Protein backbone atom coordinates (compact mmCIF):
# COMPACT_ATOMS: atom_id res chain seq x y z
CA MET A 1 40.58 71.51 -103.64
CA THR A 2 37.05 70.11 -103.53
CA LEU A 3 36.87 68.74 -107.06
CA ALA A 4 34.64 65.65 -106.98
CA THR A 5 33.30 62.99 -109.28
CA LEU A 6 29.59 62.52 -109.94
CA SER A 7 29.56 59.26 -108.03
CA GLU A 8 31.18 60.89 -105.00
CA VAL A 9 28.29 63.34 -104.62
CA LEU A 10 25.39 61.15 -105.79
CA GLN A 11 26.01 58.11 -103.62
CA PRO A 12 25.73 60.07 -100.34
CA ALA A 13 22.66 61.86 -101.72
CA LEU A 14 21.03 58.55 -102.58
CA ARG A 15 21.88 57.11 -99.18
CA ASP A 16 20.68 60.10 -97.17
CA GLY A 17 17.54 61.03 -99.12
CA HIS A 18 18.43 64.23 -100.90
CA ALA A 19 19.67 65.31 -104.32
CA VAL A 20 22.33 67.39 -106.07
CA ALA A 21 21.70 70.02 -108.72
CA GLY A 22 23.32 69.79 -112.14
CA LEU A 23 23.40 73.45 -113.15
CA VAL A 24 23.83 74.39 -116.81
CA VAL A 25 26.72 76.82 -117.24
CA LEU A 26 27.01 79.28 -120.12
CA GLY A 27 29.85 81.44 -118.83
CA TRP A 28 32.04 82.66 -116.00
CA GLU A 29 29.41 84.74 -114.23
CA ASP A 30 26.83 81.99 -113.83
CA ALA A 31 29.44 79.36 -112.91
CA ARG A 32 30.80 81.59 -110.15
CA ALA A 33 27.29 82.40 -108.90
CA TYR A 34 26.41 78.70 -108.77
CA VAL A 35 29.45 77.83 -106.67
CA ALA A 36 28.83 80.78 -104.36
CA ALA A 37 25.22 79.61 -103.91
CA ALA A 38 26.34 76.07 -103.10
CA GLU A 39 28.77 77.41 -100.50
CA ALA A 40 26.05 79.58 -98.95
CA VAL A 41 23.69 76.61 -98.72
CA GLY A 42 26.42 74.14 -97.76
CA CYS A 43 25.83 71.51 -100.44
CA PRO A 44 27.68 70.01 -103.43
CA VAL A 45 27.10 71.36 -106.92
CA ILE A 46 27.53 69.96 -110.42
CA LEU A 47 28.73 72.46 -113.03
CA GLN A 48 27.50 71.29 -116.43
CA ALA A 49 28.90 72.12 -119.86
CA GLY A 50 26.13 71.37 -122.34
CA PRO A 51 26.19 71.49 -126.16
CA GLY A 52 25.22 75.17 -126.31
CA CYS A 53 27.99 76.14 -123.95
CA ARG A 54 30.56 74.01 -125.79
CA ALA A 55 29.61 75.60 -129.11
CA HIS A 56 30.64 78.95 -127.65
CA THR A 57 33.58 78.00 -125.42
CA PRO A 58 36.16 75.22 -126.03
CA LEU A 59 36.20 72.24 -123.69
CA PRO A 60 39.73 72.91 -122.36
CA VAL A 61 38.67 76.41 -121.30
CA LEU A 62 35.54 75.10 -119.56
CA ALA A 63 37.51 72.37 -117.80
CA ALA A 64 40.05 74.89 -116.53
CA MET A 65 37.27 77.23 -115.36
CA PHE A 66 35.39 74.51 -113.50
CA ARG A 67 38.56 73.17 -111.89
CA HIS A 68 39.66 76.67 -110.88
CA LEU A 69 36.34 77.28 -109.14
CA ALA A 70 36.58 73.90 -107.41
CA GLN A 71 40.06 74.70 -106.10
CA GLY A 72 38.75 77.66 -104.14
CA ALA A 73 35.44 76.13 -103.07
CA THR A 74 34.52 74.84 -99.64
CA VAL A 75 31.95 72.37 -101.02
CA PRO A 76 32.35 69.52 -103.53
CA VAL A 77 32.23 70.70 -107.14
CA VAL A 78 31.75 68.28 -110.06
CA ALA A 79 33.00 69.23 -113.53
CA HIS A 80 30.45 67.53 -115.79
CA LEU A 81 30.09 67.16 -119.55
CA ASP A 82 26.35 67.23 -120.31
CA HIS A 83 24.90 65.55 -123.41
CA GLY A 84 28.06 64.28 -125.02
CA TYR A 85 27.06 62.72 -128.32
CA SER A 86 30.19 60.80 -129.24
CA ALA A 87 32.96 58.77 -127.67
CA GLU A 88 35.46 61.28 -129.03
CA GLU A 89 33.77 64.17 -127.25
CA CYS A 90 33.62 62.25 -123.98
CA ARG A 91 37.27 61.22 -124.32
CA GLU A 92 38.31 64.83 -124.92
CA ALA A 93 36.42 65.90 -121.79
CA VAL A 94 38.19 63.25 -119.72
CA GLU A 95 41.58 64.31 -121.09
CA CYS A 96 40.79 67.98 -120.37
CA GLY A 97 40.07 67.28 -116.71
CA PHE A 98 36.31 66.85 -116.41
CA THR A 99 35.43 64.54 -113.52
CA SER A 100 32.17 63.32 -115.02
CA VAL A 101 30.78 62.79 -118.52
CA MET A 102 27.29 62.13 -119.79
CA PHE A 103 26.95 60.18 -123.01
CA ASP A 104 23.54 60.69 -124.58
CA GLY A 105 22.67 57.69 -126.73
CA SER A 106 18.96 57.99 -126.03
CA LYS A 107 18.07 58.25 -129.73
CA LEU A 108 19.95 55.04 -130.56
CA PRO A 109 18.47 51.53 -130.62
CA LEU A 110 18.73 49.93 -127.18
CA ALA A 111 21.55 47.52 -128.02
CA GLU A 112 23.63 50.26 -129.63
CA ASN A 113 22.99 52.66 -126.76
CA ILE A 114 24.13 50.02 -124.27
CA ALA A 115 27.22 49.10 -126.29
CA GLN A 116 28.41 52.67 -126.85
CA THR A 117 27.66 53.79 -123.30
CA ALA A 118 29.46 50.74 -121.86
CA GLU A 119 32.56 51.46 -123.93
CA ILE A 120 32.61 55.09 -122.76
CA ALA A 121 32.10 53.95 -119.17
CA ARG A 122 35.11 51.64 -119.40
CA MET A 123 37.25 54.43 -120.79
CA ALA A 124 36.11 57.00 -118.24
CA HIS A 125 36.25 54.68 -115.23
CA ALA A 126 39.82 53.76 -116.11
CA ALA A 127 40.64 57.46 -115.67
CA GLY A 128 38.68 57.78 -112.42
CA VAL A 129 35.84 59.70 -114.10
CA SER A 130 32.12 59.06 -113.50
CA VAL A 131 29.62 58.39 -116.28
CA GLU A 132 25.95 59.25 -116.74
CA GLY A 133 23.85 57.63 -119.46
CA GLU A 134 20.31 58.12 -120.72
CA ILE A 135 17.64 55.57 -121.49
CA GLY A 136 14.31 56.75 -122.82
CA PHE A 137 14.37 60.00 -124.76
CA VAL A 138 13.68 63.24 -122.86
CA GLY A 139 12.01 65.59 -125.32
CA TYR A 140 12.08 69.37 -125.74
CA ALA A 141 9.42 71.99 -125.19
CA ALA A 142 8.14 73.04 -128.62
CA GLY A 143 10.37 70.34 -130.10
CA ALA A 144 10.82 66.57 -130.27
CA GLU A 145 8.40 64.66 -128.05
CA SER A 146 9.58 62.54 -125.14
CA LEU A 147 9.66 58.77 -125.32
CA GLY A 148 9.09 57.48 -121.80
CA THR A 149 11.65 55.13 -120.30
CA ASP A 150 10.66 51.48 -120.46
CA PRO A 151 11.49 49.85 -117.09
CA ALA A 152 12.72 46.63 -118.69
CA GLU A 153 15.04 48.64 -120.95
CA ALA A 154 16.24 50.65 -117.96
CA LYS A 155 17.18 47.41 -116.18
CA ALA A 156 19.09 46.13 -119.20
CA PHE A 157 20.79 49.49 -119.67
CA ALA A 158 21.94 49.82 -116.07
CA GLU A 159 23.22 46.25 -115.96
CA GLY A 160 24.85 46.39 -119.38
CA THR A 161 26.66 49.71 -119.08
CA GLY A 162 27.85 50.08 -115.49
CA VAL A 163 26.95 53.78 -115.47
CA ASP A 164 27.16 55.74 -112.24
CA ALA A 165 23.87 57.54 -112.93
CA MET A 166 20.96 56.94 -115.28
CA ALA A 167 18.86 59.71 -116.81
CA VAL A 168 15.23 58.71 -117.35
CA SER A 169 12.17 60.07 -119.14
CA VAL A 170 9.16 60.15 -116.81
CA GLY A 171 7.28 63.29 -117.85
CA ASN A 172 10.21 65.71 -117.71
CA VAL A 173 10.96 67.92 -120.74
CA HIS A 174 14.00 69.99 -121.69
CA LEU A 175 13.73 73.79 -122.01
CA GLN A 176 10.31 74.05 -120.37
CA GLN A 177 9.71 77.65 -119.27
CA ASP A 178 6.97 77.01 -116.71
CA GLN A 179 6.74 74.49 -113.91
CA SER A 180 3.87 72.42 -115.26
CA ALA A 181 5.50 69.04 -115.87
CA SER A 182 3.65 66.07 -114.45
CA ILE A 183 5.87 63.21 -113.31
CA ASP A 184 4.69 59.68 -114.12
CA MET A 185 5.15 58.15 -110.68
CA ASP A 186 4.00 54.71 -111.79
CA ARG A 187 6.70 54.60 -114.46
CA LEU A 188 9.30 55.94 -112.02
CA ARG A 189 8.44 53.38 -109.35
CA ALA A 190 8.60 50.59 -111.95
CA ILE A 191 12.11 51.73 -112.94
CA GLU A 192 13.17 51.87 -109.30
CA ALA A 193 11.88 48.32 -108.78
CA VAL A 194 14.28 46.87 -111.34
CA SER A 195 17.39 49.05 -110.96
CA ALA A 196 19.44 50.37 -108.05
CA ALA A 197 21.18 53.02 -110.16
CA PRO A 198 21.03 56.66 -109.04
CA LEU A 199 18.50 58.39 -111.29
CA VAL A 200 18.75 61.75 -113.05
CA LEU A 201 15.92 64.07 -114.08
CA HIS A 202 16.80 66.27 -117.05
CA GLY A 203 14.56 69.25 -117.73
CA SER A 204 13.93 69.86 -114.04
CA SER A 205 13.20 73.55 -114.60
CA GLY A 206 9.75 72.41 -115.72
CA VAL A 207 9.10 70.39 -112.56
CA PRO A 208 7.19 72.15 -109.74
CA ALA A 209 9.30 72.99 -106.70
CA GLU A 210 7.21 70.85 -104.34
CA THR A 211 7.50 67.89 -106.70
CA ARG A 212 11.29 68.31 -106.83
CA ARG A 213 11.39 68.38 -103.05
CA MET A 214 9.31 65.20 -102.79
CA LEU A 215 11.28 63.35 -105.46
CA ALA A 216 14.60 64.21 -103.80
CA ARG A 217 13.46 62.76 -100.49
CA GLU A 218 11.24 59.85 -101.54
CA THR A 219 12.71 58.42 -104.76
CA ARG A 220 16.03 57.37 -106.28
CA ILE A 221 16.23 60.62 -108.26
CA CYS A 222 19.30 62.26 -106.78
CA LYS A 223 20.37 64.61 -109.59
CA PHE A 224 18.17 67.37 -111.01
CA ASN A 225 19.39 69.14 -114.16
CA ILE A 226 18.37 72.81 -114.11
CA GLY A 227 19.16 75.34 -116.79
CA THR A 228 16.18 77.24 -118.22
CA GLU A 229 14.91 78.45 -114.85
CA LEU A 230 18.22 80.10 -113.98
CA ARG A 231 18.85 81.38 -117.49
CA GLN A 232 15.53 83.20 -117.19
CA VAL A 233 16.81 84.86 -114.01
CA PHE A 234 20.01 85.85 -115.80
CA GLY A 235 18.04 87.37 -118.69
CA ARG A 236 15.65 89.31 -116.45
CA SER A 237 18.52 90.61 -114.32
CA LEU A 238 20.53 91.67 -117.35
CA ARG A 239 17.61 93.61 -118.80
CA ALA A 240 17.05 95.33 -115.44
CA VAL A 241 20.69 96.36 -115.17
CA LEU A 242 20.72 97.77 -118.69
CA ALA A 243 17.46 99.61 -118.15
CA ALA A 244 18.74 101.15 -114.91
CA ASP A 245 21.68 102.75 -116.71
CA PRO A 246 21.29 102.80 -120.51
CA THR A 247 24.60 104.65 -120.87
CA GLU A 248 26.71 101.93 -119.24
CA PHE A 249 28.79 100.04 -121.78
CA ASP A 250 31.44 98.30 -119.70
CA ARG A 251 30.87 94.55 -119.94
CA ASN A 252 32.45 93.78 -116.57
CA LYS A 253 30.40 96.41 -114.73
CA ILE A 254 27.21 95.12 -116.34
CA LEU A 255 27.76 91.42 -115.81
CA SER A 256 29.11 91.80 -112.27
CA GLN A 257 25.65 93.05 -111.26
CA ILE A 258 24.00 89.85 -112.49
CA GLU A 259 25.73 87.51 -110.08
CA ALA A 260 23.93 88.51 -106.86
CA PRO A 261 20.36 87.91 -108.13
CA LEU A 262 21.47 84.74 -109.89
CA GLN A 263 23.13 83.45 -106.74
CA ALA A 264 20.00 84.19 -104.72
CA ALA A 265 17.78 82.30 -107.17
CA THR A 266 20.21 79.39 -107.21
CA GLU A 267 20.18 79.16 -103.42
CA VAL A 268 16.40 78.72 -103.54
CA VAL A 269 16.77 75.87 -106.04
CA LEU A 270 19.49 74.16 -104.01
CA ARG A 271 17.55 74.31 -100.76
CA GLN A 272 14.59 72.57 -102.40
CA ILE A 273 16.53 69.37 -102.98
CA SER A 274 19.48 69.39 -100.57
CA ARG A 275 19.75 68.43 -96.91
CA ALA A 276 20.15 72.09 -95.93
């Protein structure tokens, strides 16, 4: 079994100058393709259950799926709750068998974000589970605007919560469908100057590949969350399969043909930021 915690994969990445991908899972086919890609590249992978996924599939089912894939994998696999919005949700994930939880208190006042994240960190750490927190709101394409991370607040947050990883807002945006995000390097360097915490970049689908590669090797960003980019591959592949045989109706036959192109695209993403 190669089930790992977030800290177990991020600390070596931080030390050795590379990063690990947090890949947004929506179902069995993409989760299996992600693990297969990580094995082909020879790097760890973080399987992430976000709010959209959890609205469709119960947490116990996702935990069992992630753990099952980890049992047969030859590389470390992290079972991660992405954007948990309450202590109850994070506690349920821990009890179900997730090895990492992210509490998103980025919309809360600083003191409340620190207090709630710290309490969740104590609970999770007692169970041997890693914790990611967020300071500075990461916005959404065609939605709420980002609020850049204040370095002084990042310092207070890291020191006051004891999180294993800290998500920051430095020009990254969730759900961006093109790679046009511009990273605020001055803000990022100011955050790095006051905190030693491993950093996380949500919305990395919108970050150019060369920028990802540079950030993985030259900064403390050692986790890149990627969802939209690979969901686009899934959608294009699905449409191509259906167009090739409009009479096919068997779900398993259709979806089984999506995994190869999705795995190939995922390998490209992983090689950009890993040591491979």
